[in-house]
Amino acid sequence: MGEQVAPESQGVSVELLATVDLGPEIEGMEGRQLRMRMVTIQPGGVFGPIHDHKGRPGTVYVLQGTITDHRDGTTTDYGPGLGWPEDRNTLHWLENRGTVPAVEISVDVVGTA
């Protein structure tokens, strides 16, 4: 499959862990929140399709398993204790090529509307 074509999401579960309304915390951040989620990708699972992070910057930290990140025509494997940034230039999709569930903690800033 090509790097710019990814299958739809499958084998992915997302648990919302916490949110903070940023409006009262930081001037100019009305309508935005800081969000933390735990994302589990089952073996053979895909977190797709290809998507960007414009207006939704964040970071990811891998707790378990290995997640393959597809971006810019390359693939990078991230295992436990590693992670990556997701900024306005990020255009990617993820998959679990391993044999155990891959679990990540994802923290990002999102709109509340």
N, C-alpha and C. Protein backbone atom coordinates (compact mmCIF):
# COMPACT_ATOMS: atom_id res chain seq x y z
N MET A 1 0.84 -1.17 0.00
CA MET A 1 0.00 0.00 0.00
C MET A 1 0.88 1.23 0.00
N GLY A 2 0.47 2.28 -0.70
CA GLY A 2 1.26 3.49 -0.81
C GLY A 2 1.25 4.28 0.47
N GLU A 3 2.25 5.10 0.65
CA GLU A 3 2.37 5.89 1.87
C GLU A 3 1.25 6.91 2.01
N GLN A 4 0.70 7.41 0.89
CA GLN A 4 -0.34 8.42 0.97
C GLN A 4 -1.74 7.81 0.92
N VAL A 5 -1.83 6.48 0.96
CA VAL A 5 -3.11 5.80 1.00
C VAL A 5 -3.09 4.87 2.19
N ALA A 6 -4.02 5.04 3.08
CA ALA A 6 -4.09 4.20 4.28
C ALA A 6 -5.48 3.66 4.42
N PRO A 7 -5.60 2.44 4.90
CA PRO A 7 -6.93 1.90 5.14
C PRO A 7 -7.64 2.66 6.25
N GLU A 8 -8.94 2.49 6.32
CA GLU A 8 -9.72 3.09 7.41
C GLU A 8 -9.29 2.47 8.73
N SER A 9 -9.58 3.16 9.81
CA SER A 9 -9.25 2.65 11.14
C SER A 9 -9.94 1.32 11.38
N GLN A 10 -9.18 0.43 12.00
CA GLN A 10 -9.72 -0.86 12.42
C GLN A 10 -8.87 -1.37 13.57
N GLY A 11 -9.49 -2.04 14.52
CA GLY A 11 -8.75 -2.58 15.65
C GLY A 11 -8.20 -1.53 16.58
N VAL A 12 -8.89 -0.37 16.67
CA VAL A 12 -8.42 0.73 17.52
C VAL A 12 -9.48 1.06 18.55
N SER A 13 -9.06 1.23 19.80
CA SER A 13 -9.97 1.72 20.83
C SER A 13 -9.32 2.93 21.49
N VAL A 14 -10.16 3.89 21.86
CA VAL A 14 -9.69 5.15 22.43
C VAL A 14 -10.43 5.39 23.74
N GLU A 15 -9.66 5.65 24.81
CA GLU A 15 -10.23 5.96 26.11
C GLU A 15 -9.82 7.37 26.50
N LEU A 16 -10.79 8.24 26.73
CA LEU A 16 -10.51 9.60 27.19
C LEU A 16 -10.12 9.53 28.66
N LEU A 17 -8.93 10.03 28.99
CA LEU A 17 -8.43 9.97 30.37
C LEU A 17 -8.66 11.27 31.12
N ALA A 18 -8.49 12.41 30.45
CA ALA A 18 -8.64 13.69 31.15
C ALA A 18 -8.72 14.82 30.14
N THR A 19 -9.36 15.92 30.56
CA THR A 19 -9.37 17.15 29.77
C THR A 19 -9.23 18.34 30.71
N VAL A 20 -8.69 19.43 30.16
CA VAL A 20 -8.61 20.70 30.88
C VAL A 20 -9.10 21.78 29.93
N ASP A 21 -10.11 22.54 30.35
CA ASP A 21 -10.60 23.67 29.57
C ASP A 21 -9.53 24.76 29.65
N LEU A 22 -8.96 25.12 28.48
CA LEU A 22 -7.86 26.07 28.47
C LEU A 22 -8.30 27.53 28.51
N GLY A 23 -9.57 27.82 28.23
CA GLY A 23 -10.06 29.20 28.25
C GLY A 23 -9.78 29.93 29.55
N PRO A 24 -10.16 29.34 30.70
CA PRO A 24 -9.89 30.03 31.96
C PRO A 24 -8.42 30.00 32.37
N GLU A 25 -7.63 29.15 31.74
CA GLU A 25 -6.23 28.97 32.12
C GLU A 25 -5.27 29.90 31.38
N ILE A 26 -5.52 30.10 30.08
CA ILE A 26 -4.59 30.86 29.24
C ILE A 26 -5.39 31.84 28.38
N GLU A 27 -5.07 33.12 28.49
CA GLU A 27 -5.75 34.13 27.69
C GLU A 27 -5.63 33.79 26.20
N GLY A 28 -6.74 33.91 25.49
CA GLY A 28 -6.76 33.64 24.05
C GLY A 28 -7.02 32.19 23.70
N MET A 29 -7.20 31.33 24.68
CA MET A 29 -7.42 29.90 24.41
C MET A 29 -8.87 29.48 24.61
N GLU A 30 -9.79 30.45 24.58
CA GLU A 30 -11.21 30.11 24.72
C GLU A 30 -11.60 29.13 23.61
N GLY A 31 -12.42 28.16 23.97
CA GLY A 31 -12.88 27.17 23.00
C GLY A 31 -11.87 26.08 22.70
N ARG A 32 -10.79 26.00 23.48
CA ARG A 32 -9.78 24.96 23.30
C ARG A 32 -9.63 24.19 24.60
N GLN A 33 -9.24 22.92 24.47
CA GLN A 33 -8.98 22.12 25.66
C GLN A 33 -7.75 21.25 25.44
N LEU A 34 -7.09 20.96 26.55
CA LEU A 34 -6.00 20.01 26.57
C LEU A 34 -6.63 18.65 26.85
N ARG A 35 -6.30 17.67 26.01
CA ARG A 35 -6.95 16.35 26.10
C ARG A 35 -5.89 15.26 26.20
N MET A 36 -6.12 14.28 27.07
CA MET A 36 -5.24 13.13 27.19
C MET A 36 -6.07 11.87 26.95
N ARG A 37 -5.57 11.03 26.02
CA ARG A 37 -6.28 9.79 25.69
C ARG A 37 -5.31 8.62 25.71
N MET A 38 -5.84 7.44 25.97
CA MET A 38 -5.09 6.20 25.81
C MET A 38 -5.65 5.52 24.57
N VAL A 39 -4.77 5.27 23.60
CA VAL A 39 -5.16 4.65 22.34
C VAL A 39 -4.53 3.27 22.28
N THR A 40 -5.35 2.26 22.02
CA THR A 40 -4.87 0.89 21.87
C THR A 40 -5.11 0.45 20.44
N ILE A 41 -4.04 -0.02 19.81
CA ILE A 41 -4.13 -0.54 18.44
C ILE A 41 -3.81 -2.04 18.51
N GLN A 42 -4.78 -2.85 18.16
CA GLN A 42 -4.61 -4.30 18.21
C GLN A 42 -3.63 -4.76 17.11
N PRO A 43 -3.02 -5.93 17.26
CA PRO A 43 -2.14 -6.45 16.20
C PRO A 43 -2.88 -6.43 14.86
N GLY A 44 -2.24 -5.89 13.84
CA GLY A 44 -2.87 -5.77 12.53
C GLY A 44 -3.78 -4.56 12.41
N GLY A 45 -3.96 -3.80 13.49
CA GLY A 45 -4.85 -2.65 13.49
C GLY A 45 -4.23 -1.43 12.83
N VAL A 46 -5.11 -0.53 12.40
CA VAL A 46 -4.70 0.69 11.71
C VAL A 46 -5.43 1.88 12.32
N PHE A 47 -4.69 2.95 12.59
CA PHE A 47 -5.28 4.22 13.00
C PHE A 47 -5.15 5.13 11.78
N GLY A 48 -6.19 5.14 10.97
CA GLY A 48 -6.18 5.89 9.71
C GLY A 48 -7.54 6.54 9.56
N PRO A 49 -7.86 7.03 8.40
CA PRO A 49 -6.96 7.10 7.26
C PRO A 49 -5.91 8.17 7.49
N ILE A 50 -5.17 8.51 6.46
CA ILE A 50 -4.15 9.54 6.59
C ILE A 50 -4.82 10.81 7.11
N HIS A 51 -4.19 11.45 8.09
CA HIS A 51 -4.78 12.63 8.72
C HIS A 51 -3.69 13.62 9.12
N ASP A 52 -4.11 14.87 9.32
CA ASP A 52 -3.15 15.91 9.72
C ASP A 52 -3.46 16.37 11.15
N HIS A 53 -2.64 17.27 11.63
CA HIS A 53 -2.80 17.81 12.98
C HIS A 53 -2.85 19.33 12.97
N LYS A 54 -3.29 19.91 11.86
CA LYS A 54 -3.45 21.36 11.78
C LYS A 54 -4.49 21.79 12.81
N GLY A 55 -4.10 22.71 13.67
CA GLY A 55 -5.00 23.18 14.71
C GLY A 55 -5.20 22.19 15.85
N ARG A 56 -4.42 21.11 15.85
CA ARG A 56 -4.54 20.07 16.88
C ARG A 56 -3.16 19.50 17.22
N PRO A 57 -2.25 20.35 17.71
CA PRO A 57 -0.91 19.86 18.03
C PRO A 57 -0.92 18.95 19.24
N GLY A 58 0.05 18.04 19.25
CA GLY A 58 0.12 17.14 20.39
C GLY A 58 1.41 16.36 20.43
N THR A 59 1.47 15.45 21.39
CA THR A 59 2.60 14.53 21.53
C THR A 59 2.05 13.15 21.86
N VAL A 60 2.85 12.14 21.54
CA VAL A 60 2.47 10.76 21.78
C VAL A 60 3.61 10.06 22.52
N TYR A 61 3.25 9.17 23.44
CA TYR A 61 4.22 8.36 24.18
C TYR A 61 3.74 6.92 24.15
N VAL A 62 4.59 6.00 23.72
CA VAL A 62 4.22 4.59 23.59
C VAL A 62 4.49 3.87 24.91
N LEU A 63 3.45 3.23 25.43
CA LEU A 63 3.56 2.47 26.68
C LEU A 63 3.89 1.00 26.44
N GLN A 64 3.35 0.42 25.37
CA GLN A 64 3.45 -1.03 25.13
C GLN A 64 3.40 -1.31 23.64
N GLY A 65 4.11 -2.33 23.21
CA GLY A 65 4.07 -2.73 21.81
C GLY A 65 4.87 -1.78 20.93
N THR A 66 4.65 -1.89 19.63
CA THR A 66 5.34 -1.06 18.65
C THR A 66 4.32 -0.47 17.70
N ILE A 67 4.43 0.83 17.48
CA ILE A 67 3.55 1.54 16.55
C ILE A 67 4.39 2.00 15.37
N THR A 68 3.93 1.71 14.16
CA THR A 68 4.59 2.16 12.95
C THR A 68 3.89 3.42 12.46
N ASP A 69 4.66 4.50 12.36
CA ASP A 69 4.17 5.80 11.91
C ASP A 69 4.56 5.97 10.45
N HIS A 70 3.57 6.21 9.59
CA HIS A 70 3.80 6.42 8.16
C HIS A 70 3.65 7.90 7.87
N ARG A 71 4.75 8.57 7.47
CA ARG A 71 4.69 9.99 7.09
C ARG A 71 5.85 10.32 6.17
N ASP A 72 5.60 11.28 5.29
CA ASP A 72 6.64 11.78 4.39
C ASP A 72 7.32 10.67 3.59
N GLY A 73 6.57 9.63 3.24
CA GLY A 73 7.12 8.54 2.44
C GLY A 73 8.02 7.60 3.19
N THR A 74 8.07 7.73 4.52
CA THR A 74 8.90 6.83 5.32
C THR A 74 8.08 6.22 6.45
N THR A 75 8.59 5.13 6.99
CA THR A 75 7.96 4.51 8.16
C THR A 75 8.97 4.52 9.29
N THR A 76 8.46 4.77 10.50
CA THR A 76 9.30 4.76 11.69
C THR A 76 8.58 3.95 12.75
N ASP A 77 9.31 3.01 13.36
CA ASP A 77 8.76 2.20 14.43
C ASP A 77 9.09 2.83 15.78
N TYR A 78 8.07 2.94 16.64
CA TYR A 78 8.24 3.47 17.99
C TYR A 78 7.79 2.42 18.98
N GLY A 79 8.69 2.05 19.90
CA GLY A 79 8.37 1.08 20.93
C GLY A 79 8.20 1.75 22.28
N PRO A 80 8.04 0.96 23.32
CA PRO A 80 7.82 1.51 24.66
C PRO A 80 8.90 2.50 25.07
N GLY A 81 8.46 3.61 25.64
CA GLY A 81 9.37 4.63 26.11
C GLY A 81 9.73 5.66 25.05
N LEU A 82 9.23 5.49 23.84
CA LEU A 82 9.49 6.44 22.76
C LEU A 82 8.20 7.13 22.37
N GLY A 83 8.33 8.19 21.62
CA GLY A 83 7.15 8.90 21.16
C GLY A 83 7.53 9.88 20.07
N TRP A 84 6.58 10.72 19.71
CA TRP A 84 6.81 11.68 18.63
C TRP A 84 5.90 12.88 18.80
N PRO A 85 6.31 14.02 18.20
CA PRO A 85 5.45 15.20 18.19
C PRO A 85 4.49 15.14 17.01
N GLU A 86 3.36 15.81 17.15
CA GLU A 86 2.39 15.95 16.07
C GLU A 86 2.06 17.44 15.95
N ASP A 87 2.68 18.10 14.94
CA ASP A 87 2.48 19.53 14.76
C ASP A 87 1.71 19.81 13.48
N ARG A 88 1.61 21.08 13.11
CA ARG A 88 0.82 21.48 11.95
C ARG A 88 1.33 20.89 10.64
N ASN A 89 2.58 20.41 10.62
CA ASN A 89 3.14 19.80 9.42
C ASN A 89 2.98 18.29 9.38
N THR A 90 2.40 17.71 10.41
CA THR A 90 2.24 16.26 10.48
C THR A 90 1.09 15.81 9.57
N LEU A 91 1.39 14.87 8.70
CA LEU A 91 0.40 14.21 7.84
C LEU A 91 0.79 12.75 7.86
N HIS A 92 -0.03 11.91 8.52
CA HIS A 92 0.40 10.53 8.74
C HIS A 92 -0.76 9.58 9.00
N TRP A 93 -0.40 8.31 9.16
CA TRP A 93 -1.31 7.28 9.66
C TRP A 93 -0.46 6.27 10.43
N LEU A 94 -1.10 5.48 11.28
CA LEU A 94 -0.39 4.57 12.18
C LEU A 94 -0.88 3.14 12.00
N GLU A 95 -0.01 2.20 12.32
CA GLU A 95 -0.44 0.80 12.34
C GLU A 95 0.36 0.01 13.36
N ASN A 96 -0.17 -1.14 13.73
CA ASN A 96 0.50 -2.07 14.62
C ASN A 96 0.83 -3.31 13.81
N ARG A 97 2.08 -3.47 13.45
CA ARG A 97 2.55 -4.64 12.70
C ARG A 97 2.96 -5.77 13.62
N GLY A 98 2.91 -5.54 14.92
CA GLY A 98 3.39 -6.51 15.90
C GLY A 98 2.37 -7.57 16.26
N THR A 99 2.70 -8.34 17.29
CA THR A 99 1.85 -9.45 17.73
C THR A 99 1.17 -9.20 19.07
N VAL A 100 1.44 -8.03 19.68
CA VAL A 100 0.79 -7.65 20.94
C VAL A 100 0.11 -6.30 20.74
N PRO A 101 -0.93 -6.01 21.52
CA PRO A 101 -1.56 -4.69 21.41
C PRO A 101 -0.53 -3.58 21.65
N ALA A 102 -0.61 -2.52 20.86
CA ALA A 102 0.23 -1.34 21.06
C ALA A 102 -0.62 -0.30 21.78
N VAL A 103 -0.06 0.28 22.83
CA VAL A 103 -0.78 1.25 23.64
C VAL A 103 0.02 2.54 23.70
N GLU A 104 -0.65 3.64 23.40
CA GLU A 104 -0.02 4.96 23.46
C GLU A 104 -0.83 5.90 24.32
N ILE A 105 -0.14 6.89 24.87
CA ILE A 105 -0.81 8.01 25.52
C ILE A 105 -0.65 9.18 24.56
N SER A 106 -1.78 9.78 24.19
CA SER A 106 -1.80 10.91 23.27
C SER A 106 -2.33 12.13 24.01
N VAL A 107 -1.55 13.22 23.96
CA VAL A 107 -1.95 14.47 24.58
C VAL A 107 -1.98 15.53 23.48
N ASP A 108 -3.12 16.21 23.33
CA ASP A 108 -3.23 17.22 22.29
C ASP A 108 -4.15 18.36 22.72
N VAL A 109 -4.10 19.44 21.94
CA VAL A 109 -4.96 20.60 22.14
C VAL A 109 -6.01 20.56 21.05
N VAL A 110 -7.28 20.58 21.45
CA VAL A 110 -8.37 20.46 20.49
C VAL A 110 -9.43 21.53 20.74
N GLY A 111 -10.20 21.80 19.70
CA GLY A 111 -11.32 22.72 19.85
C GLY A 111 -12.47 22.03 20.56
N THR A 112 -13.24 22.79 21.34
CA THR A 112 -14.36 22.21 22.06
C THR A 112 -15.65 22.27 21.28
N ALA A 113 -15.66 22.97 20.16
CA ALA A 113 -16.89 23.10 19.36
C ALA A 113 -17.04 21.94 18.41
